[in-house]
Every structure is written in structure tokens, then in C-alpha cells.
Protein backbone atom coordinates (compact mmCIF):
# COMPACT_ATOMS: atom_id res chain seq x y z
CA MET A 1 -92.08 36.19 -58.26
CA ARG A 2 -93.66 34.88 -61.38
CA THR A 3 -94.61 37.53 -63.89
CA LYS A 4 -98.32 37.83 -64.39
CA SER A 5 -100.12 39.39 -67.30
CA PRO A 6 -101.25 43.02 -66.84
CA SER A 7 -104.86 41.87 -66.58
CA ALA A 8 -103.96 39.40 -63.81
CA ARG A 9 -102.06 42.06 -61.89
CA SER A 10 -104.91 44.56 -62.10
CA SER A 11 -107.67 42.08 -61.31
CA SER A 12 -107.36 42.09 -57.52
CA GLY A 13 -109.84 44.97 -57.23
CA SER A 14 -112.35 43.28 -59.49
CA GLU A 15 -111.80 39.96 -57.71
CA ARG A 16 -112.46 41.68 -54.39
CA GLN A 17 -115.64 43.15 -55.82
CA ARG A 18 -116.72 39.76 -57.21
CA ALA A 19 -116.03 38.15 -53.82
CA ALA A 20 -118.22 40.74 -52.10
CA GLU A 21 -121.03 40.54 -54.65
CA GLN A 22 -121.11 36.74 -54.54
CA SER A 23 -120.46 36.46 -50.80
CA GLU A 24 -117.45 34.27 -51.62
CA PRO A 25 -114.65 34.89 -49.12
CA SER A 26 -112.84 31.93 -50.66
CA ILE A 27 -111.83 34.22 -53.54
CA VAL A 28 -110.07 36.59 -51.13
CA THR A 29 -108.62 33.62 -49.27
CA ALA A 30 -107.20 32.11 -52.46
CA HIS A 31 -105.61 35.39 -53.55
CA THR A 32 -104.15 36.04 -50.09
CA ILE A 33 -102.66 32.55 -49.86
CA ALA A 34 -101.24 32.84 -53.38
CA LEU A 35 -99.62 36.18 -52.57
CA ALA A 36 -98.14 34.81 -49.36
CA GLY A 37 -96.61 31.92 -51.31
CA GLU A 38 -95.26 34.20 -54.02
CA ILE A 39 -93.60 36.62 -51.62
CA HIS A 40 -92.21 33.73 -49.58
CA SER A 41 -90.63 32.22 -52.70
CA TYR A 42 -89.30 35.60 -53.77
CA LEU A 43 -87.68 36.30 -50.40
CA ARG A 44 -86.18 32.81 -50.31
CA ASP A 45 -84.48 33.46 -53.66
CA HIS A 46 -83.71 37.19 -53.41
CA HIS A 47 -81.96 38.55 -50.34
CA VAL A 48 -83.03 41.99 -49.20
CA LEU A 49 -80.11 42.77 -46.91
CA GLY A 50 -76.48 42.68 -48.01
CA VAL A 51 -77.13 43.85 -51.58
CA GLU A 52 -76.56 47.16 -53.35
CA PRO A 53 -78.56 50.01 -51.78
CA ALA A 54 -80.66 50.57 -54.93
CA VAL A 55 -81.54 46.87 -55.13
CA ARG A 56 -82.24 46.73 -51.39
CA ASP A 57 -84.53 49.76 -51.58
CA ALA A 58 -86.47 48.32 -54.53
CA ARG A 59 -86.88 44.99 -52.76
CA LEU A 60 -88.00 46.72 -49.56
CA LEU A 61 -90.68 48.56 -51.56
CA LEU A 62 -91.85 45.25 -53.02
CA VAL A 63 -91.96 43.62 -49.59
CA GLU A 64 -93.89 46.58 -48.16
CA ALA A 65 -96.41 46.42 -51.01
CA ALA A 66 -96.88 42.69 -50.40
CA ARG A 67 -97.26 43.31 -46.67
CA ARG A 68 -100.00 45.86 -47.31
CA LEU A 69 -101.85 43.50 -49.64
CA LEU A 70 -101.59 40.67 -47.12
CA VAL A 71 -102.90 42.92 -44.34
CA THR A 72 -105.80 43.99 -46.56
CA GLY A 73 -106.63 40.40 -47.50
CA LEU A 74 -106.51 39.21 -43.91
CA SER A 75 -108.57 42.19 -42.74
CA LEU A 76 -111.23 41.52 -45.38
CA LEU A 77 -111.44 37.99 -43.99
CA GLY A 78 -111.85 39.28 -40.43
CA ILE A 79 -108.39 38.09 -39.39
CA THR A 80 -106.17 40.37 -37.35
CA PRO A 81 -102.77 40.24 -39.03
CA PRO A 82 -99.72 39.68 -36.85
CA GLU A 83 -97.59 42.73 -36.22
CA ARG A 84 -94.46 40.80 -37.21
CA MET A 85 -93.89 37.89 -39.51
């Protein structure tokens, strides 16, 4: 994944708040699509299985965090996320 500045990483809460205040679901949509693209690119380039256990565990934590954010984004948009991807 591309490294983002600390302010960009911490802005998802404020972006969510701005989306709600301005009734702009497109903000949530844009962030959710961007995250999906980032995690897809990361997983394409970094295998999770077949690597050292410490690396695997760290990558699994990253994937789980991304999954949770994707579920939250989809839920905010009124979309039921698939159980498996």
C-alpha cells in the first residue's frame, strides 16, 4: 500500500463526519473504493500464505483491519457486505 501522511490516515473519522453533515455519501463511497483498490494491490504484491509466521501474522492483521473498514464503509452506504470475498 502507498504510505499516506499521518493526517491522511487519521482523516477517515473526520471524512465520515463531513459526509454525514453534508449528506454526501459520495465521500464514503470514494474512500471505500480507494481502500478496496489499495488492499487489492497490496495483496497482489504481498503474499499472505507461505511466508514467515511473523510476516504472515502481520499481514493477516492488516487484511483484517482493511476488511473491517470495508464492512464499515459498505454498511454506512446501506450495502450488505458479502460474507466472503
